[in-house]
Amino acid sequence: MQPVAPNWRTSTYTGTENCVEVADNDPTMVMVRDTKAPSGGLLAVQPTTWVAFVEFAKAK
């Protein structure tokens, strides 16, 4: 399977500061990075892990 180029998007729930971007267009991983440091590190997780995290965050 060919790697998919990340399609970064900013969360609609973030403000103008302390934003995160998510790339979830690859079926094998979801990537998260800091908008203030896009060339810095990123977090890559399996899609099922990301879904579980989002559901947990919504419940809080």
PDB file of N, CA and C in Angstrom:
ATOM      1  N   MET A   1       0.848  -1.183   0.000  1.00  0.00           N
ATOM      2  CA  MET A   1       0.000   0.000   0.000  1.00  0.00           C
ATOM      3  C   MET A   1       0.893   1.245   0.000  1.00  0.00           C
ATOM      4  N   GLN A   2       0.563   2.189  -0.848  1.00  0.00           N
ATOM      5  CA  GLN A   2       1.313   3.439  -0.955  1.00  0.00           C
ATOM      6  C   GLN A   2       1.000   4.357   0.230  1.00  0.00           C
ATOM      7  N   PRO A   3       2.011   5.045   0.760  1.00  0.00           N
ATOM      8  CA  PRO A   3       1.734   6.025   1.819  1.00  0.00           C
ATOM      9  C   PRO A   3       0.826   7.138   1.290  1.00  0.00           C
ATOM     10  N   VAL A   4      -0.035   7.626   2.142  1.00  0.00           N
ATOM     11  CA  VAL A   4      -0.954   8.701   1.781  1.00  0.00           C
ATOM     12  C   VAL A   4      -0.408  10.002   2.336  1.00  0.00           C
ATOM     13  N   ALA A   5      -0.350  11.036   1.497  1.00  0.00           N
ATOM     14  CA  ALA A   5       0.117  12.349   1.965  1.00  0.00           C
ATOM     15  C   ALA A   5      -0.907  12.894   2.961  1.00  0.00           C
ATOM     16  N   PRO A   6      -0.442  13.399   4.106  1.00  0.00           N
ATOM     17  CA  PRO A   6      -1.372  13.914   5.107  1.00  0.00           C
ATOM     18  C   PRO A   6      -2.183  15.097   4.589  1.00  0.00           C
ATOM     19  N   ASN A   7      -3.456  15.091   4.891  1.00  0.00           N
ATOM     20  CA  ASN A   7      -4.352  16.198   4.591  1.00  0.00           C
ATOM     21  C   ASN A   7      -4.688  16.839   5.936  1.00  0.00           C
ATOM     22  N   TRP A   8      -3.873  17.801   6.359  1.00  0.00           N
ATOM     23  CA  TRP A   8      -4.005  18.406   7.679  1.00  0.00           C
ATOM     24  C   TRP A   8      -5.216  19.318   7.747  1.00  0.00           C
ATOM     25  N   ARG A   9      -5.941  19.227   8.866  1.00  0.00           N
ATOM     26  CA  ARG A   9      -7.063  20.130   9.122  1.00  0.00           C
ATOM     27  C   ARG A   9      -7.024  20.525  10.593  1.00  0.00           C
ATOM     28  N   THR A  10      -7.499  21.728  10.869  1.00  0.00           N
ATOM     29  CA  THR A  10      -7.535  22.231  12.239  1.00  0.00           C
ATOM     30  C   THR A  10      -8.887  21.892  12.851  1.00  0.00           C
ATOM     31  N   SER A  11      -8.869  21.499  14.089  1.00  0.00           N
ATOM     32  CA  SER A  11     -10.114  21.185  14.780  1.00  0.00           C
ATOM     33  C   SER A  11     -11.020  22.399  14.824  1.00  0.00           C
ATOM     34  N   THR A  12     -12.304  22.172  14.652  1.00  0.00           N
ATOM     35  CA  THR A  12     -13.262  23.277  14.726  1.00  0.00           C
ATOM     36  C   THR A  12     -13.471  23.739  16.168  1.00  0.00           C
ATOM     37  N   TYR A  13     -13.000  22.960  17.129  1.00  0.00           N
ATOM     38  CA  TYR A  13     -13.176  23.306  18.542  1.00  0.00           C
ATOM     39  C   TYR A  13     -11.999  24.072  19.115  1.00  0.00           C
ATOM     40  N   THR A  14     -10.967  24.302  18.333  1.00  0.00           N
ATOM     41  CA  THR A  14      -9.817  25.033  18.848  1.00  0.00           C
ATOM     42  C   THR A  14      -9.965  26.502  18.523  1.00  0.00           C
ATOM     43  N   GLY A  15      -9.335  27.315  19.334  1.00  0.00           N
ATOM     44  CA  GLY A  15      -9.366  28.755  19.106  1.00  0.00           C
ATOM     45  C   GLY A  15      -8.218  29.171  18.212  1.00  0.00           C
ATOM     46  N   THR A  16      -7.787  30.410  18.380  1.00  0.00           N
ATOM     47  CA  THR A  16      -6.693  30.916  17.557  1.00  0.00           C
ATOM     48  C   THR A  16      -5.329  30.564  18.136  1.00  0.00           C
ATOM     49  N   GLU A  17      -5.291  30.109  19.365  1.00  0.00           N
ATOM     50  CA  GLU A  17      -4.031  29.713  20.002  1.00  0.00           C
ATOM     51  C   GLU A  17      -4.150  28.270  20.467  1.00  0.00           C
ATOM     52  N   ASN A  18      -3.014  27.629  20.646  1.00  0.00           N
ATOM     53  CA  ASN A  18      -2.970  26.249  21.163  1.00  0.00           C
ATOM     54  C   ASN A  18      -3.793  25.288  20.322  1.00  0.00           C
ATOM     55  N   CYS A  19      -3.694  25.405  19.022  1.00  0.00           N
ATOM     56  CA  CYS A  19      -4.462  24.552  18.123  1.00  0.00           C
ATOM     57  C   CYS A  19      -3.709  23.267  17.799  1.00  0.00           C
ATOM     58  N   VAL A  20      -4.462  22.275  17.470  1.00  0.00           N
ATOM     59  CA  VAL A  20      -3.887  21.041  16.953  1.00  0.00           C
ATOM     60  C   VAL A  20      -4.466  20.793  15.570  1.00  0.00           C
ATOM     61  N   GLU A  21      -3.683  20.117  14.755  1.00  0.00           N
ATOM     62  CA  GLU A  21      -4.134  19.709  13.434  1.00  0.00           C
ATOM     63  C   GLU A  21      -4.185  18.194  13.399  1.00  0.00           C
ATOM     64  N   VAL A  22      -5.131  17.672  12.637  1.00  0.00           N
ATOM     65  CA  VAL A  22      -5.313  16.231  12.517  1.00  0.00           C
ATOM     66  C   VAL A  22      -5.301  15.876  11.038  1.00  0.00           C
ATOM     67  N   ALA A  23      -4.619  14.790  10.717  1.00  0.00           N
ATOM     68  CA  ALA A  23      -4.661  14.219   9.363  1.00  0.00           C
ATOM     69  C   ALA A  23      -5.205  12.807   9.520  1.00  0.00           C
ATOM     70  N   ASP A  24      -6.431  12.604   9.047  1.00  0.00           N
ATOM     71  CA  ASP A  24      -7.061  11.291   9.212  1.00  0.00           C
ATOM     72  C   ASP A  24      -7.505  10.694   7.877  1.00  0.00           C
ATOM     73  N   ASN A  25      -6.824  11.095   6.812  1.00  0.00           N
ATOM     74  CA  ASN A  25      -7.193  10.591   5.495  1.00  0.00           C
ATOM     75  C   ASN A  25      -6.469   9.290   5.117  1.00  0.00           C
ATOM     76  N   ASP A  26      -5.556   8.809   5.945  1.00  0.00           N
ATOM     77  CA  ASP A  26      -4.866   7.536   5.710  1.00  0.00           C
ATOM     78  C   ASP A  26      -5.605   6.459   6.509  1.00  0.00           C
ATOM     79  N   PRO A  27      -6.032   5.374   5.887  1.00  0.00           N
ATOM     80  CA  PRO A  27      -6.791   4.354   6.617  1.00  0.00           C
ATOM     81  C   PRO A  27      -5.977   3.587   7.648  1.00  0.00           C
ATOM     82  N   THR A  28      -4.657   3.752   7.646  1.00  0.00           N
ATOM     83  CA  THR A  28      -3.822   2.988   8.576  1.00  0.00           C
ATOM     84  C   THR A  28      -3.375   3.783   9.797  1.00  0.00           C
ATOM     85  N   MET A  29      -3.506   5.130   9.761  1.00  0.00           N
ATOM     86  CA  MET A  29      -3.080   5.930  10.905  1.00  0.00           C
ATOM     87  C   MET A  29      -3.743   7.294  10.904  1.00  0.00           C
ATOM     88  N   VAL A  30      -3.816   7.860  12.098  1.00  0.00           N
ATOM     89  CA  VAL A  30      -4.270   9.238  12.296  1.00  0.00           C
ATOM     90  C   VAL A  30      -3.086   9.977  12.895  1.00  0.00           C
ATOM     91  N   MET A  31      -2.770  11.150  12.327  1.00  0.00           N
ATOM     92  CA  MET A  31      -1.642  11.935  12.825  1.00  0.00           C
ATOM     93  C   MET A  31      -2.145  13.230  13.439  1.00  0.00           C
ATOM     94  N   VAL A  32      -1.483  13.646  14.513  1.00  0.00           N
ATOM     95  CA  VAL A  32      -1.835  14.873  15.230  1.00  0.00           C
ATOM     96  C   VAL A  32      -0.558  15.678  15.414  1.00  0.00           C
ATOM     97  N   ARG A  33      -0.645  16.993  15.175  1.00  0.00           N
ATOM     98  CA  ARG A  33       0.524  17.865  15.373  1.00  0.00           C
ATOM     99  C   ARG A  33       0.084  19.220  15.896  1.00  0.00           C
ATOM    100  N   ASP A  34       1.043  19.964  16.397  1.00  0.00           N
ATOM    101  CA  ASP A  34       0.825  21.315  16.912  1.00  0.00           C
ATOM    102  C   ASP A  34       0.886  22.294  15.746  1.00  0.00           C
ATOM    103  N   THR A  35      -0.118  23.155  15.606  1.00  0.00           N
ATOM    104  CA  THR A  35      -0.124  24.109  14.496  1.00  0.00           C
ATOM    105  C   THR A  35       1.009  25.120  14.595  1.00  0.00           C
ATOM    106  N   LYS A  36       1.486  25.377  15.810  1.00  0.00           N
ATOM    107  CA  LYS A  36       2.572  26.341  15.981  1.00  0.00           C
ATOM    108  C   LYS A  36       3.932  25.749  15.615  1.00  0.00           C
ATOM    109  N   ALA A  37       4.015  24.430  15.513  1.00  0.00           N
ATOM    110  CA  ALA A  37       5.277  23.764  15.194  1.00  0.00           C
ATOM    111  C   ALA A  37       5.030  22.629  14.195  1.00  0.00           C
ATOM    112  N   PRO A  38       4.560  22.960  12.991  1.00  0.00           N
ATOM    113  CA  PRO A  38       4.192  21.918  12.040  1.00  0.00           C
ATOM    114  C   PRO A  38       5.358  21.038  11.598  1.00  0.00           C
ATOM    115  N   SER A  39       6.570  21.537  11.697  1.00  0.00           N
ATOM    116  CA  SER A  39       7.714  20.706  11.313  1.00  0.00           C
ATOM    117  C   SER A  39       8.302  19.964  12.513  1.00  0.00           C
ATOM    118  N   GLY A  40       7.687  20.157  13.657  1.00  0.00           N
ATOM    119  CA  GLY A  40       8.128  19.453  14.863  1.00  0.00           C
ATOM    120  C   GLY A  40       7.596  18.030  14.858  1.00  0.00           C
ATOM    121  N   GLY A  41       7.530  17.437  16.009  1.00  0.00           N
ATOM    122  CA  GLY A  41       7.058  16.067  16.119  1.00  0.00           C
ATOM    123  C   GLY A  41       5.561  15.944  15.895  1.00  0.00           C
ATOM    124  N   LEU A  42       5.143  14.702  15.721  1.00  0.00           N
ATOM    125  CA  LEU A  42       3.723  14.433  15.588  1.00  0.00           C
ATOM    126  C   LEU A  42       3.404  13.132  16.295  1.00  0.00           C
ATOM    127  N   LEU A  43       2.153  12.961  16.593  1.00  0.00           N
ATOM    128  CA  LEU A  43       1.660  11.747  17.218  1.00  0.00           C
ATOM    129  C   LEU A  43       0.908  10.967  16.152  1.00  0.00           C
ATOM    130  N   ALA A  44       1.249   9.701  15.967  1.00  0.00           N
ATOM    131  CA  ALA A  44       0.551   8.846  15.005  1.00  0.00           C
ATOM    132  C   ALA A  44      -0.052   7.666  15.760  1.00  0.00           C
ATOM    133  N   VAL A  45      -1.351   7.453  15.583  1.00  0.00           N
ATOM    134  CA  VAL A  45      -2.054   6.361  16.262  1.00  0.00           C
ATOM    135  C   VAL A  45      -2.936   5.624  15.257  1.00  0.00           C
ATOM    136  N   GLN A  46      -3.338   4.433  15.639  1.00  0.00           N
ATOM    137  CA  GLN A  46      -4.260   3.675  14.802  1.00  0.00           C
ATOM    138  C   GLN A  46      -5.630   4.350  14.828  1.00  0.00           C
ATOM    139  N   PRO A  47      -6.385   4.236  13.733  1.00  0.00           N
ATOM    140  CA  PRO A  47      -7.707   4.874  13.691  1.00  0.00           C
ATOM    141  C   PRO A  47      -8.627   4.454  14.839  1.00  0.00           C
ATOM    142  N   THR A  48      -8.586   3.205  15.259  1.00  0.00           N
ATOM    143  CA  THR A  48      -9.450   2.774  16.365  1.00  0.00           C
ATOM    144  C   THR A  48      -9.063   3.467  17.668  1.00  0.00           C
ATOM    145  N   THR A  49      -7.784   3.700  17.858  1.00  0.00           N
ATOM    146  CA  THR A  49      -7.312   4.419  19.045  1.00  0.00           C
ATOM    147  C   THR A  49      -7.790   5.862  19.009  1.00  0.00           C
ATOM    148  N   TRP A  50      -7.728   6.494  17.843  1.00  0.00           N
ATOM    149  CA  TRP A  50      -8.181   7.879  17.702  1.00  0.00           C
ATOM    150  C   TRP A  50      -9.673   7.989  17.994  1.00  0.00           C
ATOM    151  N   VAL A  51     -10.466   7.081  17.453  1.00  0.00           N
ATOM    152  CA  VAL A  51     -11.913   7.102  17.691  1.00  0.00           C
ATOM    153  C   VAL A  51     -12.203   6.969  19.188  1.00  0.00           C
ATOM    154  N   ALA A  52     -11.500   6.066  19.862  1.00  0.00           N
ATOM    155  CA  ALA A  52     -11.699   5.886  21.298  1.00  0.00           C
ATOM    156  C   ALA A  52     -11.341   7.165  22.054  1.00  0.00           C
ATOM    157  N   PHE A  53     -10.259   7.826  21.672  1.00  0.00           N
ATOM    158  CA  PHE A  53      -9.848   9.072  22.307  1.00  0.00           C
ATOM    159  C   PHE A  53     -10.909  10.168  22.109  1.00  0.00           C
ATOM    160  N   VAL A  54     -11.398  10.315  20.881  1.00  0.00           N
ATOM    161  CA  VAL A  54     -12.400  11.348  20.588  1.00  0.00           C
ATOM    162  C   VAL A  54     -13.676  11.091  21.388  1.00  0.00           C
ATOM    163  N   GLU A  55     -14.111   9.845  21.448  1.00  0.00           N
ATOM    164  CA  GLU A  55     -15.315   9.519  22.228  1.00  0.00           C
ATOM    165  C   GLU A  55     -15.100   9.820  23.712  1.00  0.00           C
ATOM    166  N   PHE A  56     -13.916   9.502  24.231  1.00  0.00           N
ATOM    167  CA  PHE A  56     -13.587   9.800  25.616  1.00  0.00           C
ATOM    168  C   PHE A  56     -13.631  11.320  25.853  1.00  0.00           C
ATOM    169  N   ALA A  57     -13.023  12.082  24.944  1.00  0.00           N
ATOM    170  CA  ALA A  57     -12.988  13.542  25.091  1.00  0.00           C
ATOM    171  C   ALA A  57     -14.390  14.147  25.028  1.00  0.00           C
ATOM    172  N   LYS A  58     -15.240  13.626  24.164  1.00  0.00           N
ATOM    173  CA  LYS A  58     -16.610  14.127  24.058  1.00  0.00           C
ATOM    174  C   LYS A  58     -17.390  13.897  25.351  1.00  0.00           C
ATOM    175  N   ALA A  59     -17.086  12.810  26.036  1.00  0.00           N
ATOM    176  CA  ALA A  59     -17.811  12.472  27.257  1.00  0.00           C
ATOM    177  C   ALA A  59     -17.402  13.328  28.438  1.00  0.00           C
ATOM    178  N   LYS A  60     -16.293  14.031  28.344  1.00  0.00           N
ATOM    179  CA  LYS A  60     -15.802  14.842  29.464  1.00  0.00           C
ATOM    180  C   LYS A  60     -16.344  16.234  29.462  1.00  0.00           C
TER     181      LYS A  60
END
